[in-house]
Amino acid sequence: MMRWIFNAFLFVLLIAAGIVAWSIHQQKLSELQKIKDASHAVDAIQSEINARSALENSPLNEFGFPPSIEAAWFVEGLPYNPLVDHERPWLEIATGDALFKHHPKDPVLRNRTSAEFWYNPRRGIVRARVPQMPSDRMSLQIYNQVNGTTLSDLWHSSPPSKETDAVSSQGTIQEGKRPFRRWSVVNDGN
């Protein structure tokens, strides 16, 4: 009788371990899909920038790129970053010293004022920000995967201060055409 109870307990324990392993595997697949989807969103925005840069009748800045990204370009809705919540600005347009950068000053989202995406109209490049992970190494790995980059250091300038300088009085807010999504232009503080 004891042997039967022990075998039944062992069987239940193995089933529970299998369920936990399957659940962890499914969660990992979901995370990988979100990274892939975020990368596709960056590609969709970048493709639209590239297409607008090639059009003769498209307004371009002195560097040959659109000065901003318009919500109307995306007839199927604004691409979104599935790695982050959407209670934040959608887009930050680089200004000032940030126009000479290839990456945002703050590639990791640390507060609700950081936008999902960053656009540099001088260089015609867009980047998706990523959530804070357990380590900077993990955050950097995901940032590079999502953006197709090989950045070696998240804080290529300096780590952000605890107080945000992401939103400036020089930035402007524009409402997007997609419900419940804010589309905004913010100064990155550089």
N, C-alpha and C. Protein backbone atom coordinates (compact mmCIF):
# COMPACT_ATOMS: atom_id res chain seq x y z
N MET A 1 0.82 -1.20 0.00
CA MET A 1 0.00 0.00 0.00
C MET A 1 0.87 1.27 0.00
N MET A 2 1.94 1.27 0.81
CA MET A 2 2.84 2.42 0.86
C MET A 2 3.52 2.63 -0.49
N ARG A 3 3.87 1.54 -1.11
CA ARG A 3 4.52 1.61 -2.42
C ARG A 3 3.58 2.26 -3.43
N TRP A 4 2.30 1.91 -3.39
CA TRP A 4 1.32 2.47 -4.31
C TRP A 4 1.16 3.97 -4.07
N ILE A 5 1.13 4.42 -2.83
CA ILE A 5 1.01 5.84 -2.48
C ILE A 5 2.24 6.59 -2.96
N PHE A 6 3.41 5.99 -2.74
CA PHE A 6 4.65 6.63 -3.19
C PHE A 6 4.67 6.76 -4.71
N ASN A 7 4.26 5.72 -5.42
CA ASN A 7 4.22 5.76 -6.90
C ASN A 7 3.21 6.80 -7.39
N ALA A 8 2.07 6.88 -6.74
CA ALA A 8 1.06 7.87 -7.13
C ALA A 8 1.58 9.29 -6.89
N PHE A 9 2.24 9.48 -5.75
CA PHE A 9 2.83 10.79 -5.45
C PHE A 9 3.90 11.15 -6.48
N LEU A 10 4.74 10.21 -6.82
CA LEU A 10 5.79 10.43 -7.81
C LEU A 10 5.19 10.74 -9.18
N PHE A 11 4.13 10.04 -9.54
CA PHE A 11 3.45 10.29 -10.81
C PHE A 11 2.88 11.71 -10.85
N VAL A 12 2.22 12.14 -9.78
CA VAL A 12 1.65 13.49 -9.71
C VAL A 12 2.76 14.53 -9.76
N LEU A 13 3.86 14.25 -9.07
CA LEU A 13 5.00 15.17 -9.07
C LEU A 13 5.59 15.31 -10.48
N LEU A 14 5.72 14.22 -11.20
CA LEU A 14 6.23 14.27 -12.57
C LEU A 14 5.28 15.02 -13.51
N ILE A 15 4.00 14.80 -13.34
CA ILE A 15 3.00 15.53 -14.15
C ILE A 15 3.10 17.03 -13.85
N ALA A 16 3.21 17.41 -12.58
CA ALA A 16 3.31 18.82 -12.21
C ALA A 16 4.59 19.43 -12.79
N ALA A 17 5.70 18.71 -12.73
CA ALA A 17 6.96 19.20 -13.29
C ALA A 17 6.83 19.38 -14.80
N GLY A 18 6.14 18.46 -15.45
CA GLY A 18 5.93 18.58 -16.90
C GLY A 18 5.09 19.81 -17.24
N ILE A 19 4.07 20.06 -16.45
CA ILE A 19 3.21 21.22 -16.69
C ILE A 19 4.00 22.51 -16.48
N VAL A 20 4.81 22.56 -15.43
CA VAL A 20 5.63 23.74 -15.17
C VAL A 20 6.62 23.95 -16.32
N ALA A 21 7.28 22.89 -16.76
CA ALA A 21 8.24 23.00 -17.87
C ALA A 21 7.54 23.48 -19.14
N TRP A 22 6.36 22.94 -19.44
CA TRP A 22 5.61 23.36 -20.62
C TRP A 22 5.22 24.82 -20.52
N SER A 23 4.79 25.25 -19.32
CA SER A 23 4.40 26.64 -19.11
C SER A 23 5.58 27.58 -19.31
N ILE A 24 6.75 27.22 -18.78
CA ILE A 24 7.95 28.04 -18.96
C ILE A 24 8.33 28.11 -20.44
N HIS A 25 8.23 27.00 -21.12
CA HIS A 25 8.53 26.95 -22.56
C HIS A 25 7.57 27.87 -23.34
N GLN A 26 6.29 27.81 -23.03
CA GLN A 26 5.31 28.66 -23.71
C GLN A 26 5.56 30.14 -23.43
N GLN A 27 5.94 30.46 -22.20
CA GLN A 27 6.23 31.85 -21.84
C GLN A 27 7.45 32.34 -22.62
N LYS A 28 8.47 31.50 -22.74
CA LYS A 28 9.67 31.87 -23.49
C LYS A 28 9.32 32.09 -24.97
N LEU A 29 8.49 31.23 -25.53
CA LEU A 29 8.05 31.41 -26.92
C LEU A 29 7.29 32.71 -27.09
N SER A 30 6.46 33.06 -26.12
CA SER A 30 5.70 34.31 -26.18
C SER A 30 6.64 35.51 -26.14
N GLU A 31 7.66 35.47 -25.28
CA GLU A 31 8.63 36.55 -25.20
C GLU A 31 9.41 36.69 -26.51
N LEU A 32 9.81 35.57 -27.09
CA LEU A 32 10.52 35.61 -28.37
C LEU A 32 9.64 36.18 -29.48
N GLN A 33 8.35 35.85 -29.45
CA GLN A 33 7.43 36.39 -30.45
C GLN A 33 7.28 37.90 -30.30
N LYS A 34 7.24 38.38 -29.07
CA LYS A 34 7.14 39.83 -28.84
C LYS A 34 8.38 40.54 -29.36
N ILE A 35 9.55 39.95 -29.17
CA ILE A 35 10.79 40.54 -29.69
C ILE A 35 10.73 40.58 -31.21
N LYS A 36 10.29 39.51 -31.80
CA LYS A 36 10.16 39.44 -33.26
C LYS A 36 9.15 40.48 -33.77
N ASP A 37 8.02 40.61 -33.09
CA ASP A 37 7.00 41.57 -33.49
C ASP A 37 7.49 43.01 -33.34
N ALA A 38 8.25 43.28 -32.27
CA ALA A 38 8.82 44.62 -32.08
C ALA A 38 9.80 44.93 -33.21
N SER A 39 10.59 43.95 -33.60
CA SER A 39 11.54 44.13 -34.71
C SER A 39 10.79 44.41 -36.01
N HIS A 40 9.68 43.70 -36.22
CA HIS A 40 8.86 43.96 -37.42
C HIS A 40 8.27 45.37 -37.40
N ALA A 41 7.91 45.87 -36.22
CA ALA A 41 7.38 47.23 -36.11
C ALA A 41 8.45 48.24 -36.49
N VAL A 42 9.69 48.04 -36.01
CA VAL A 42 10.80 48.92 -36.38
C VAL A 42 10.99 48.88 -37.89
N ASP A 43 10.98 47.67 -38.46
CA ASP A 43 11.16 47.53 -39.91
C ASP A 43 10.05 48.24 -40.68
N ALA A 44 8.81 48.14 -40.19
CA ALA A 44 7.68 48.80 -40.87
C ALA A 44 7.84 50.31 -40.87
N ILE A 45 8.24 50.86 -39.73
CA ILE A 45 8.43 52.31 -39.64
C ILE A 45 9.61 52.73 -40.51
N GLN A 46 10.71 51.98 -40.43
CA GLN A 46 11.90 52.30 -41.21
C GLN A 46 11.61 52.22 -42.71
N SER A 47 10.84 51.23 -43.12
CA SER A 47 10.47 51.09 -44.54
C SER A 47 9.67 52.29 -45.01
N GLU A 48 8.77 52.76 -44.17
CA GLU A 48 7.96 53.93 -44.52
C GLU A 48 8.84 55.18 -44.62
N ILE A 49 9.79 55.33 -43.71
CA ILE A 49 10.73 56.45 -43.77
C ILE A 49 11.52 56.39 -45.08
N ASN A 50 12.02 55.21 -45.41
CA ASN A 50 12.81 55.04 -46.63
C ASN A 50 11.97 55.33 -47.88
N ALA A 51 10.72 54.87 -47.88
CA ALA A 51 9.85 55.11 -49.02
C ALA A 51 9.55 56.60 -49.17
N ARG A 52 9.26 57.26 -48.05
CA ARG A 52 8.97 58.70 -48.11
C ARG A 52 10.20 59.49 -48.55
N SER A 53 11.37 59.02 -48.17
CA SER A 53 12.62 59.70 -48.58
C SER A 53 12.83 59.61 -50.08
N ALA A 54 12.31 58.56 -50.69
CA ALA A 54 12.50 58.35 -52.13
C ALA A 54 11.43 59.03 -52.98
N LEU A 55 10.31 59.42 -52.36
CA LEU A 55 9.23 60.06 -53.12
C LEU A 55 9.58 61.51 -53.46
N GLU A 56 9.29 61.89 -54.67
CA GLU A 56 9.59 63.25 -55.11
C GLU A 56 8.72 64.30 -54.43
N ASN A 57 7.48 63.95 -54.15
CA ASN A 57 6.55 64.93 -53.60
C ASN A 57 6.46 64.89 -52.07
N SER A 58 7.34 64.14 -51.43
CA SER A 58 7.32 64.03 -49.98
C SER A 58 8.15 65.14 -49.35
N PRO A 59 7.62 65.80 -48.32
CA PRO A 59 8.43 66.85 -47.66
C PRO A 59 9.61 66.22 -46.92
N LEU A 60 10.80 66.71 -47.24
CA LEU A 60 12.03 66.19 -46.62
C LEU A 60 12.80 67.32 -45.98
N ASN A 61 13.60 66.99 -45.00
CA ASN A 61 14.47 68.00 -44.38
C ASN A 61 15.74 68.14 -45.22
N GLU A 62 16.66 68.98 -44.78
CA GLU A 62 17.88 69.23 -45.55
C GLU A 62 18.80 68.00 -45.64
N PHE A 63 18.50 66.96 -44.86
CA PHE A 63 19.31 65.74 -44.89
C PHE A 63 18.69 64.65 -45.75
N GLY A 64 17.52 64.96 -46.34
CA GLY A 64 16.86 64.02 -47.25
C GLY A 64 15.92 63.04 -46.58
N PHE A 65 15.49 63.33 -45.36
CA PHE A 65 14.58 62.44 -44.64
C PHE A 65 13.35 63.22 -44.19
N PRO A 66 12.25 62.51 -43.95
CA PRO A 66 11.06 63.20 -43.43
C PRO A 66 11.38 63.84 -42.07
N PRO A 67 10.94 65.07 -41.86
CA PRO A 67 11.22 65.73 -40.58
C PRO A 67 10.46 65.10 -39.41
N SER A 68 9.39 64.40 -39.72
CA SER A 68 8.62 63.70 -38.68
C SER A 68 7.99 62.46 -39.31
N ILE A 69 7.38 61.66 -38.48
CA ILE A 69 6.68 60.46 -38.94
C ILE A 69 5.20 60.72 -38.70
N GLU A 70 4.42 60.58 -39.74
CA GLU A 70 2.99 60.90 -39.66
C GLU A 70 2.16 59.64 -39.44
N ALA A 71 1.20 59.73 -38.54
CA ALA A 71 0.31 58.61 -38.26
C ALA A 71 -0.46 58.19 -39.51
N ALA A 72 -0.76 59.14 -40.38
CA ALA A 72 -1.54 58.85 -41.59
C ALA A 72 -0.80 57.93 -42.56
N TRP A 73 0.50 57.80 -42.43
CA TRP A 73 1.27 56.91 -43.30
C TRP A 73 0.87 55.44 -43.10
N PHE A 74 0.35 55.13 -41.94
CA PHE A 74 0.10 53.74 -41.57
C PHE A 74 -1.41 53.47 -41.62
N VAL A 75 -1.88 53.09 -42.80
CA VAL A 75 -3.31 52.91 -43.03
C VAL A 75 -3.89 51.76 -42.20
N GLU A 76 -3.07 50.79 -41.84
CA GLU A 76 -3.55 49.67 -41.02
C GLU A 76 -3.36 49.93 -39.52
N GLY A 77 -3.00 51.14 -39.18
CA GLY A 77 -2.78 51.50 -37.77
C GLY A 77 -1.31 51.65 -37.47
N LEU A 78 -1.02 52.40 -36.44
CA LEU A 78 0.37 52.64 -36.04
C LEU A 78 1.04 51.33 -35.63
N PRO A 79 2.25 51.09 -36.11
CA PRO A 79 3.00 49.93 -35.59
C PRO A 79 3.22 50.16 -34.09
N TYR A 80 3.21 49.12 -33.33
CA TYR A 80 3.40 49.28 -31.90
C TYR A 80 4.50 48.35 -31.40
N ASN A 81 5.01 48.69 -30.25
CA ASN A 81 6.07 47.92 -29.61
C ASN A 81 5.42 47.00 -28.58
N PRO A 82 5.30 45.70 -28.88
CA PRO A 82 4.60 44.80 -27.97
C PRO A 82 5.37 44.50 -26.68
N LEU A 83 6.60 44.97 -26.58
CA LEU A 83 7.39 44.73 -25.38
C LEU A 83 7.03 45.70 -24.25
N VAL A 84 6.29 46.76 -24.58
CA VAL A 84 6.00 47.79 -23.59
C VAL A 84 4.50 48.04 -23.49
N ASP A 85 4.11 48.67 -22.39
CA ASP A 85 2.71 49.07 -22.27
C ASP A 85 2.48 50.28 -23.18
N HIS A 86 1.26 50.57 -23.46
CA HIS A 86 0.97 51.64 -24.43
C HIS A 86 0.39 52.88 -23.76
N GLU A 87 0.64 53.01 -22.49
CA GLU A 87 0.22 54.21 -21.76
C GLU A 87 1.38 55.20 -21.74
N ARG A 88 1.94 55.44 -22.90
CA ARG A 88 3.10 56.31 -23.03
C ARG A 88 3.08 56.93 -24.42
N PRO A 89 3.91 57.94 -24.66
CA PRO A 89 4.00 58.49 -26.02
C PRO A 89 4.46 57.40 -27.00
N TRP A 90 4.00 57.51 -28.22
CA TRP A 90 4.36 56.54 -29.25
C TRP A 90 5.73 56.83 -29.84
N LEU A 91 6.03 58.09 -30.11
CA LEU A 91 7.25 58.43 -30.84
C LEU A 91 7.94 59.64 -30.24
N GLU A 92 9.24 59.56 -30.15
CA GLU A 92 10.07 60.69 -29.77
C GLU A 92 10.91 61.08 -30.98
N ILE A 93 10.92 62.34 -31.32
CA ILE A 93 11.75 62.82 -32.42
C ILE A 93 12.96 63.53 -31.82
N ALA A 94 14.13 63.07 -32.22
CA ALA A 94 15.38 63.62 -31.70
C ALA A 94 15.52 65.08 -32.08
N THR A 95 16.08 65.85 -31.17
CA THR A 95 16.38 67.27 -31.40
C THR A 95 17.75 67.56 -30.82
N GLY A 96 18.28 68.72 -31.11
CA GLY A 96 19.54 69.16 -30.51
C GLY A 96 20.69 68.21 -30.79
N ASP A 97 21.48 67.93 -29.76
CA ASP A 97 22.65 67.05 -29.89
C ASP A 97 22.26 65.62 -30.27
N ALA A 98 21.04 65.22 -29.94
CA ALA A 98 20.59 63.86 -30.26
C ALA A 98 20.54 63.61 -31.76
N LEU A 99 20.48 64.68 -32.56
CA LEU A 99 20.46 64.53 -34.01
C LEU A 99 21.76 63.93 -34.55
N PHE A 100 22.81 63.94 -33.75
CA PHE A 100 24.09 63.40 -34.18
C PHE A 100 24.30 61.97 -33.67
N LYS A 101 23.29 61.41 -33.02
CA LYS A 101 23.37 60.07 -32.44
C LYS A 101 22.68 59.04 -33.33
N HIS A 102 23.08 57.79 -33.14
CA HIS A 102 22.45 56.67 -33.83
C HIS A 102 21.45 55.93 -32.93
N HIS A 103 21.49 56.24 -31.65
CA HIS A 103 20.63 55.58 -30.67
C HIS A 103 20.13 56.62 -29.67
N PRO A 104 18.97 56.36 -29.08
CA PRO A 104 18.47 57.31 -28.08
C PRO A 104 19.36 57.32 -26.84
N LYS A 105 19.34 58.42 -26.15
CA LYS A 105 20.11 58.55 -24.91
C LYS A 105 19.65 57.50 -23.90
N ASP A 106 18.37 57.21 -23.91
CA ASP A 106 17.78 56.25 -22.97
C ASP A 106 17.08 55.12 -23.75
N PRO A 107 17.83 54.09 -24.16
CA PRO A 107 17.24 53.00 -24.95
C PRO A 107 16.33 52.09 -24.13
N VAL A 108 16.42 52.18 -22.82
CA VAL A 108 15.59 51.36 -21.93
C VAL A 108 14.51 52.24 -21.31
N LEU A 109 13.29 51.76 -21.35
CA LEU A 109 12.17 52.50 -20.76
C LEU A 109 12.26 52.45 -19.25
N ARG A 110 12.33 53.62 -18.66
CA ARG A 110 12.45 53.69 -17.20
C ARG A 110 11.25 54.39 -16.55
N ASN A 111 10.42 55.03 -17.37
CA ASN A 111 9.25 55.73 -16.84
C ASN A 111 8.21 55.87 -17.94
N ARG A 112 7.06 56.38 -17.59
CA ARG A 112 5.95 56.47 -18.55
C ARG A 112 6.08 57.62 -19.54
N THR A 113 7.08 58.48 -19.38
CA THR A 113 7.24 59.58 -20.32
C THR A 113 8.14 59.20 -21.49
N SER A 114 8.84 58.08 -21.39
CA SER A 114 9.67 57.61 -22.50
C SER A 114 8.79 57.03 -23.59
N ALA A 115 9.06 57.41 -24.82
CA ALA A 115 8.26 56.93 -25.95
C ALA A 115 8.67 55.52 -26.37
N GLU A 116 7.74 54.82 -27.00
CA GLU A 116 8.01 53.47 -27.50
C GLU A 116 9.12 53.48 -28.55
N PHE A 117 9.07 54.48 -29.44
CA PHE A 117 10.03 54.56 -30.54
C PHE A 117 10.75 55.90 -30.52
N TRP A 118 11.93 55.92 -31.10
CA TRP A 118 12.77 57.11 -31.20
C TRP A 118 13.14 57.28 -32.68
N TYR A 119 12.99 58.49 -33.20
CA TYR A 119 13.30 58.77 -34.61
C TYR A 119 14.31 59.91 -34.69
N ASN A 120 15.35 59.68 -35.47
CA ASN A 120 16.35 60.71 -35.71
C ASN A 120 16.17 61.20 -37.15
N PRO A 121 15.58 62.38 -37.35
CA PRO A 121 15.32 62.87 -38.71
C PRO A 121 16.58 63.30 -39.46
N ARG A 122 17.67 63.51 -38.78
CA ARG A 122 18.93 63.84 -39.46
C ARG A 122 19.52 62.60 -40.13
N ARG A 123 19.40 61.46 -39.46
CA ARG A 123 19.97 60.21 -39.97
C ARG A 123 18.92 59.30 -40.62
N GLY A 124 17.64 59.63 -40.41
CA GLY A 124 16.57 58.83 -41.00
C GLY A 124 16.46 57.44 -40.38
N ILE A 125 16.76 57.32 -39.08
CA ILE A 125 16.70 56.02 -38.41
C ILE A 125 15.70 56.04 -37.27
N VAL A 126 15.10 54.88 -37.07
CA VAL A 126 14.14 54.71 -35.98
C VAL A 126 14.64 53.57 -35.10
N ARG A 127 14.39 53.69 -33.81
CA ARG A 127 14.75 52.65 -32.84
C ARG A 127 13.57 52.42 -31.91
N ALA A 128 13.42 51.17 -31.48
CA ALA A 128 12.42 50.83 -30.46
C ALA A 128 13.13 50.76 -29.12
N ARG A 129 12.49 51.31 -28.12
CA ARG A 129 13.03 51.16 -26.77
C ARG A 129 12.57 49.82 -26.22
N VAL A 130 13.29 49.34 -25.23
CA VAL A 130 12.96 48.05 -24.62
C VAL A 130 12.72 48.24 -23.13
N PRO A 131 12.00 47.31 -22.51
CA PRO A 131 11.76 47.43 -21.07
C PRO A 131 13.03 47.12 -20.28
N GLN A 132 13.06 47.59 -19.05
CA GLN A 132 14.16 47.26 -18.14
C GLN A 132 14.10 45.77 -17.83
N MET A 133 15.19 45.08 -18.06
CA MET A 133 15.28 43.66 -17.78
C MET A 133 16.04 43.47 -16.47
N PRO A 134 16.14 42.23 -15.98
CA PRO A 134 16.87 42.01 -14.72
C PRO A 134 18.32 42.48 -14.75
N SER A 135 18.92 42.53 -15.94
CA SER A 135 20.30 43.03 -16.03
C SER A 135 20.43 43.91 -17.27
N ASP A 136 21.41 44.82 -17.23
CA ASP A 136 21.67 45.67 -18.40
C ASP A 136 22.11 44.81 -19.58
N ARG A 137 22.80 43.72 -19.32
CA ARG A 137 23.24 42.82 -20.39
C ARG A 137 22.04 42.25 -21.15
N MET A 138 21.02 41.84 -20.42
CA MET A 138 19.80 41.32 -21.05
C MET A 138 19.07 42.42 -21.82
N SER A 139 18.99 43.61 -21.22
CA SER A 139 18.34 44.73 -21.90
C SER A 139 19.06 45.05 -23.20
N LEU A 140 20.39 45.06 -23.16
CA LEU A 140 21.20 45.34 -24.35
C LEU A 140 20.97 44.28 -25.42
N GLN A 141 20.94 43.03 -25.01
CA GLN A 141 20.72 41.93 -25.97
C GLN A 141 19.37 42.09 -26.67
N ILE A 142 18.33 42.38 -25.92
CA ILE A 142 17.01 42.55 -26.52
C ILE A 142 16.97 43.80 -27.40
N TYR A 143 17.57 44.89 -26.93
CA TYR A 143 17.63 46.12 -27.73
C TYR A 143 18.28 45.84 -29.09
N ASN A 144 19.39 45.15 -29.08
CA ASN A 144 20.08 44.82 -30.33
C ASN A 144 19.25 43.90 -31.22
N GLN A 145 18.58 42.92 -30.63
CA GLN A 145 17.73 42.02 -31.41
C GLN A 145 16.59 42.78 -32.08
N VAL A 146 15.93 43.60 -31.31
CA VAL A 146 14.76 44.33 -31.82
C VAL A 146 15.16 45.32 -32.91
N ASN A 147 16.27 46.01 -32.72
CA ASN A 147 16.67 47.08 -33.63
C ASN A 147 17.67 46.66 -34.70
N GLY A 148 18.10 45.41 -34.68
CA GLY A 148 19.07 44.94 -35.67
C GLY A 148 20.39 45.68 -35.56
N THR A 149 20.81 45.98 -34.33
CA THR A 149 22.04 46.73 -34.11
C THR A 149 23.06 45.88 -33.36
N THR A 150 24.23 46.43 -33.20
CA THR A 150 25.30 45.75 -32.46
C THR A 150 25.88 46.68 -31.40
N LEU A 151 25.02 47.43 -30.76
CA LEU A 151 25.44 48.35 -29.71
C LEU A 151 26.15 47.53 -28.61
N SER A 152 27.29 48.01 -28.14
CA SER A 152 28.05 47.25 -27.14
C SER A 152 27.80 47.74 -25.72
N ASP A 153 27.16 48.88 -25.58
CA ASP A 153 26.93 49.47 -24.27
C ASP A 153 25.62 50.23 -24.31
N LEU A 154 24.72 49.92 -23.39
CA LEU A 154 23.44 50.64 -23.34
C LEU A 154 23.63 52.11 -23.08
N TRP A 155 24.57 52.44 -22.25
CA TRP A 155 24.75 53.81 -21.82
C TRP A 155 25.95 54.41 -22.54
N HIS A 156 25.85 54.43 -23.88
CA HIS A 156 26.93 54.94 -24.71
C HIS A 156 27.25 56.39 -24.40
N SER A 157 26.35 57.09 -23.76
CA SER A 157 26.68 58.44 -23.30
C SER A 157 26.85 58.37 -21.78
N SER A 158 25.77 58.30 -21.07
CA SER A 158 25.82 58.13 -19.62
C SER A 158 24.46 57.62 -19.16
N PRO A 159 24.43 56.92 -18.03
CA PRO A 159 23.14 56.42 -17.55
C PRO A 159 22.19 57.57 -17.26
N PRO A 160 20.89 57.37 -17.49
CA PRO A 160 19.93 58.44 -17.22
C PRO A 160 19.83 58.69 -15.72
N SER A 161 19.51 59.91 -15.38
CA SER A 161 19.31 60.22 -13.97
C SER A 161 17.96 59.66 -13.54
N LYS A 162 17.76 59.61 -12.24
CA LYS A 162 16.48 59.11 -11.74
C LYS A 162 15.34 60.03 -12.13
N GLU A 163 15.64 61.31 -12.20
CA GLU A 163 14.63 62.27 -12.63
C GLU A 163 14.66 62.31 -14.15
N THR A 164 13.52 62.21 -14.76
CA THR A 164 13.48 62.18 -16.21
C THR A 164 13.74 63.54 -16.82
N ASP A 165 14.49 63.52 -17.90
CA ASP A 165 14.63 64.74 -18.68
C ASP A 165 14.14 64.46 -20.09
N ALA A 166 13.34 63.42 -20.23
CA ALA A 166 12.89 63.01 -21.55
C ALA A 166 11.89 63.98 -22.16
N VAL A 167 11.01 64.54 -21.36
CA VAL A 167 10.02 65.44 -21.91
C VAL A 167 10.43 66.87 -21.60
N SER A 168 10.47 67.66 -22.62
CA SER A 168 10.90 69.04 -22.47
C SER A 168 9.74 69.96 -22.82
N SER A 169 9.82 71.17 -22.34
CA SER A 169 8.78 72.13 -22.69
C SER A 169 8.83 72.46 -24.18
N GLN A 170 9.95 72.08 -24.85
CA GLN A 170 10.05 72.33 -26.28
C GLN A 170 9.32 71.25 -27.09
N GLY A 171 9.02 70.12 -26.48
CA GLY A 171 8.33 69.06 -27.19
C GLY A 171 6.87 69.40 -27.40
N THR A 172 6.27 68.77 -28.38
CA THR A 172 4.86 69.01 -28.63
C THR A 172 4.13 67.68 -28.67
N ILE A 173 2.89 67.69 -28.30
CA ILE A 173 2.07 66.49 -28.33
C ILE A 173 1.11 66.59 -29.50
N GLN A 174 1.06 65.53 -30.28
CA GLN A 174 0.11 65.46 -31.40
C GLN A 174 -0.72 64.21 -31.19
N GLU A 175 -2.00 64.33 -31.34
CA GLU A 175 -2.86 63.18 -31.18
C GLU A 175 -2.80 62.29 -32.42
N GLY A 176 -2.69 60.99 -32.20
CA GLY A 176 -2.67 60.04 -33.30
C GLY A 176 -4.08 59.73 -33.76
N LYS A 177 -4.19 58.97 -34.85
CA LYS A 177 -5.51 58.63 -35.39
C LYS A 177 -6.00 57.30 -34.87
N ARG A 178 -5.17 56.60 -34.11
CA ARG A 178 -5.56 55.31 -33.58
C ARG A 178 -6.10 55.51 -32.17
N PRO A 179 -7.27 54.98 -31.86
CA PRO A 179 -7.86 55.20 -30.54
C PRO A 179 -6.95 54.66 -29.43
N PHE A 180 -6.95 55.34 -28.31
CA PHE A 180 -6.24 54.95 -27.11
C PHE A 180 -4.72 54.96 -27.25
N ARG A 181 -4.20 55.52 -28.32
CA ARG A 181 -2.75 55.60 -28.50
C ARG A 181 -2.37 57.06 -28.57
N ARG A 182 -1.39 57.45 -27.82
CA ARG A 182 -0.90 58.81 -27.91
C ARG A 182 0.26 58.84 -28.87
N TRP A 183 0.28 59.81 -29.70
CA TRP A 183 1.34 60.02 -30.66
C TRP A 183 1.97 61.32 -30.26
N SER A 184 3.21 61.31 -29.94
CA SER A 184 3.79 62.56 -29.48
C SER A 184 5.23 62.71 -29.92
N VAL A 185 5.63 63.94 -29.89
CA VAL A 185 6.99 64.30 -30.18
C VAL A 185 7.55 64.88 -28.90
N VAL A 186 8.64 64.32 -28.43
CA VAL A 186 9.24 64.84 -27.21
C VAL A 186 10.71 65.09 -27.45
N ASN A 187 11.25 66.04 -26.73
CA ASN A 187 12.67 66.34 -26.80
C ASN A 187 13.37 65.38 -25.86
N ASP A 188 14.45 64.76 -26.32
CA ASP A 188 15.12 63.77 -25.48
C ASP A 188 16.07 64.36 -24.46
N GLY A 189 16.15 65.67 -24.38
CA GLY A 189 16.94 66.29 -23.34
C GLY A 189 18.42 66.41 -23.64
N ASN A 190 18.87 65.97 -24.79
CA ASN A 190 20.29 66.08 -25.15
C ASN A 190 20.63 67.48 -25.55
